[in-house]
Each structure stands twice: as C-alpha cells, then as structure tokens.
Amino acid sequence: MKSGPRPAQLARQLAGLFRYAATHSDGAFMREVSEHDLTLSQLKTLSMLSELPSSSPLSLKDLAERLGISLPAASRAVDPLVRRGLVERREDSQDRRIKRVSTTEEGDALVQRLMAARVSALEDLLSGFNTTERRKLGDALDEIMARPEIDHYCPKKAARR
C-alpha cells in the first residue's frame, strides 16, 4: 500500500496553494482589512474572539497565550479594536484585576464580512479549475472536513455577491 506524501511535501504544496490564493484572489478581503486598518495581530485577535460564545470572554492573559504573543502585545492589539467598537473589554466579575475581552456585534459582523469575502474569492479562484481538479480537491477535502475540529471553521453556506 502506498504511504502517501510526507507532511513536509504536503506542507509546501498547501503553502503554495494558500499563497497563490492570497496573491490572486483576495482583493475584497484585503480591501476590508485595509479599510479597517487591521494589523495581523488584530485580525487574529478578532478571529479568535469571534469563535467564542459571548458568555465566555477571554482574559487578556489567555488571549495572549492562545495567540502566542506577549501580554503587552495582546494589549496593543486589543486597544485599537476596543476604541473602534469591535471588541469589548471589561473587568472580571470575580477579580477586578483581570480584564476580559470579547467581540461586539460590530466585530462579529466584520469577521463575517471578511469570511464572506474570502469564500467568494476562493469560489472565483476555483471556477478557474477544471472539473477533474475540483472533483479531486473536493474528494480530498470531504474526508478532512469530516473532522469536527476542522469543520467547525467551515462556513455553513456559500457566500454570494
């Protein structure tokens, strides 16, 4: 039985596909990011916080750990998002020294617009693939998307312009 490609080979291939997709199809996504003057840390912060239930805001310390950045860097990412009304910061009800952060409705709406722009761009990109390429890619993704921890991030309906 054939063992399949090594992780390093697949990683290079996926990196190339992601780079191609970002370079050739992300105009609307990048316009939205630019319009909101979002840094990479702010974009990652918004994305992470939008995945959480509104009843479970993260402490700034937990956010920093999940993002793999320092506490001061997390604070620098959150401050402008709070000023723009995309993120809310409040004191923990049990310990006033702890600050908890969560997205606002406006922040969640922005994340949804960004995801819709990304899906639409990928749809346009994939329309340039032939039927066989789309079928093979779909077949490969079907099994991978069956993993709940991955499927959780998949938009449930296609974006339409």
Protein backbone atom coordinates (compact mmCIF):
# COMPACT_ATOMS: atom_id res chain seq x y z
CA MET A 1 0.00 0.00 0.00
CA LYS A 2 1.30 3.44 -0.93
CA SER A 3 2.04 5.59 2.11
CA GLY A 4 1.23 8.95 0.51
CA PRO A 5 3.16 12.20 0.57
CA ARG A 6 5.23 13.19 3.58
CA PRO A 7 3.94 16.04 5.78
CA ALA A 8 6.79 18.31 4.62
CA GLN A 9 5.81 17.83 0.97
CA LEU A 10 2.13 18.46 1.69
CA ALA A 11 3.02 21.49 3.80
CA ARG A 12 4.97 23.02 0.91
CA GLN A 13 2.13 22.27 -1.51
CA LEU A 14 -0.51 23.77 0.80
CA ALA A 15 1.67 26.81 1.46
CA GLY A 16 1.99 27.31 -2.29
CA LEU A 17 -1.77 26.94 -2.82
CA PHE A 18 -2.54 29.35 0.06
CA ARG A 19 -0.01 31.86 -1.24
CA TYR A 20 -1.41 31.58 -4.76
CA ALA A 21 -4.95 32.05 -3.45
CA ALA A 22 -3.96 35.05 -1.32
CA THR A 23 -1.98 36.64 -4.14
CA HIS A 24 -4.52 36.11 -6.91
CA SER A 25 -7.91 36.28 -5.28
CA ASP A 26 -8.07 38.20 -2.03
CA GLY A 27 -8.76 41.73 -3.26
CA ALA A 28 -12.08 42.19 -1.44
CA PHE A 29 -10.69 40.64 1.75
CA MET A 30 -7.64 42.88 1.71
CA ARG A 31 -9.74 45.97 0.96
CA GLU A 32 -11.88 45.22 4.02
CA VAL A 33 -8.78 44.65 6.19
CA SER A 34 -7.22 47.86 4.88
CA GLU A 35 -10.43 49.85 5.29
CA HIS A 36 -10.47 48.89 8.96
CA ASP A 37 -6.70 49.40 9.27
CA LEU A 38 -6.24 45.98 10.87
CA THR A 39 -2.83 44.59 11.72
CA LEU A 40 -2.18 40.86 11.55
CA SER A 41 -2.36 40.64 15.36
CA GLN A 42 -5.68 42.50 15.37
CA LEU A 43 -7.06 40.27 12.63
CA LYS A 44 -6.04 37.14 14.54
CA THR A 45 -7.48 38.60 17.75
CA LEU A 46 -10.83 39.33 16.12
CA SER A 47 -10.95 35.89 14.51
CA MET A 48 -10.14 34.10 17.75
CA LEU A 49 -12.56 36.11 19.88
CA SER A 50 -15.38 35.72 17.35
CA GLU A 51 -15.16 31.93 17.75
CA LEU A 52 -16.01 32.13 21.44
CA PRO A 53 -19.50 32.22 22.90
CA SER A 54 -20.34 35.74 24.08
CA SER A 55 -20.87 34.29 27.55
CA SER A 56 -17.21 33.19 27.71
CA PRO A 57 -14.96 36.22 27.19
CA LEU A 58 -11.22 35.54 27.42
CA SER A 59 -8.89 37.15 29.87
CA LEU A 60 -6.24 39.24 28.17
CA LYS A 61 -3.64 36.78 29.50
CA ASP A 62 -5.47 33.78 27.96
CA LEU A 63 -5.81 35.66 24.66
CA ALA A 64 -2.06 36.36 24.61
CA GLU A 65 -1.27 32.70 25.31
CA ARG A 66 -3.62 31.44 22.58
CA LEU A 67 -2.17 33.88 20.06
CA GLY A 68 1.41 33.05 21.12
CA ILE A 69 2.24 36.70 21.84
CA SER A 70 3.23 38.64 24.94
CA LEU A 71 0.66 40.20 27.24
CA PRO A 72 1.75 43.73 26.22
CA ALA A 73 1.44 42.77 22.52
CA ALA A 74 -2.06 41.39 23.14
CA SER A 75 -2.99 44.62 24.90
CA ARG A 76 -1.62 46.64 21.95
CA ALA A 77 -3.73 44.53 19.57
CA VAL A 78 -6.89 44.87 21.67
CA ASP A 79 -6.72 48.61 22.49
CA PRO A 80 -7.49 49.93 18.97
CA LEU A 81 -10.18 47.27 18.49
CA VAL A 82 -11.87 48.49 21.68
CA ARG A 83 -11.63 52.12 20.51
CA ARG A 84 -13.28 51.16 17.19
CA GLY A 85 -16.08 49.29 18.93
CA LEU A 86 -15.08 45.89 17.53
CA VAL A 87 -14.03 44.40 20.90
CA GLU A 88 -15.34 44.97 24.39
CA ARG A 89 -13.07 44.90 27.46
CA ARG A 90 -14.48 44.64 30.96
CA GLU A 91 -13.44 43.68 34.44
CA ASP A 92 -13.86 40.11 35.57
CA SER A 93 -16.83 39.82 37.92
CA GLN A 94 -14.77 37.84 40.46
CA ASP A 95 -11.40 39.60 40.19
CA ARG A 96 -11.32 43.24 39.08
CA ARG A 97 -7.62 42.97 38.21
CA ILE A 98 -8.47 40.60 35.36
CA LYS A 99 -9.68 42.17 32.11
CA ARG A 100 -11.90 40.05 29.87
CA VAL A 101 -12.32 40.69 26.16
CA SER A 102 -14.93 39.64 23.62
CA THR A 103 -16.12 40.79 20.23
CA THR A 104 -19.02 43.17 19.91
CA GLU A 105 -21.84 42.65 17.40
CA GLU A 106 -19.94 45.00 15.08
CA GLY A 107 -16.77 42.93 15.49
CA ASP A 108 -18.63 39.70 14.76
CA ALA A 109 -20.23 41.30 11.70
CA LEU A 110 -16.79 42.37 10.42
CA VAL A 111 -15.43 38.84 10.85
CA GLN A 112 -18.44 37.52 8.91
CA ARG A 113 -17.83 40.03 6.08
CA LEU A 114 -14.17 39.04 5.96
CA MET A 115 -15.08 35.35 5.78
CA ALA A 116 -17.66 36.03 3.06
CA ALA A 117 -15.05 37.94 1.06
CA ARG A 118 -12.58 35.07 1.47
CA VAL A 119 -15.14 32.43 0.42
CA SER A 120 -16.20 34.48 -2.59
CA ALA A 121 -12.58 34.95 -3.66
CA LEU A 122 -11.91 31.23 -3.35
CA GLU A 123 -15.07 30.48 -5.33
CA ASP A 124 -13.79 32.72 -8.13
CA LEU A 125 -10.37 31.07 -7.96
CA LEU A 126 -11.85 27.56 -8.06
CA SER A 127 -14.03 28.44 -11.04
CA GLY A 128 -10.75 28.53 -12.98
CA PHE A 129 -10.05 24.90 -12.07
CA ASN A 130 -11.30 22.24 -14.43
CA THR A 131 -13.97 19.74 -13.39
CA THR A 132 -11.47 16.99 -12.62
CA GLU A 133 -9.33 19.27 -10.44
CA ARG A 134 -12.38 20.47 -8.49
CA ARG A 135 -13.64 16.90 -8.04
CA LYS A 136 -10.27 15.64 -6.78
CA LEU A 137 -9.89 18.58 -4.42
CA GLY A 138 -13.45 18.10 -3.17
CA ASP A 139 -12.89 14.38 -2.61
CA ALA A 140 -9.74 15.09 -0.59
CA LEU A 141 -11.43 17.80 1.46
CA ASP A 142 -14.55 15.71 2.21
CA GLU A 143 -12.60 13.34 4.44
CA ILE A 144 -10.60 16.12 6.09
CA MET A 145 -13.70 18.25 6.72
CA ALA A 146 -15.31 15.29 8.50
CA ARG A 147 -13.02 16.15 11.44
CA PRO A 148 -15.19 18.24 13.80
CA GLU A 149 -12.30 20.46 14.91
CA ILE A 150 -11.77 21.48 11.27
CA ASP A 151 -15.38 21.50 10.11
CA HIS A 152 -16.13 23.97 12.92
CA TYR A 153 -14.30 26.66 10.92
CA CYS A 154 -16.04 25.97 7.62
CA PRO A 155 -18.73 28.49 6.67
CA LYS A 156 -22.02 26.63 6.50
CA LYS A 157 -23.31 28.30 3.37
CA ALA A 158 -21.56 29.65 0.32
CA ALA A 159 -21.02 33.39 0.03
CA ARG A 160 -22.84 35.08 -2.82
CA ARG A 161 -22.20 38.54 -4.17
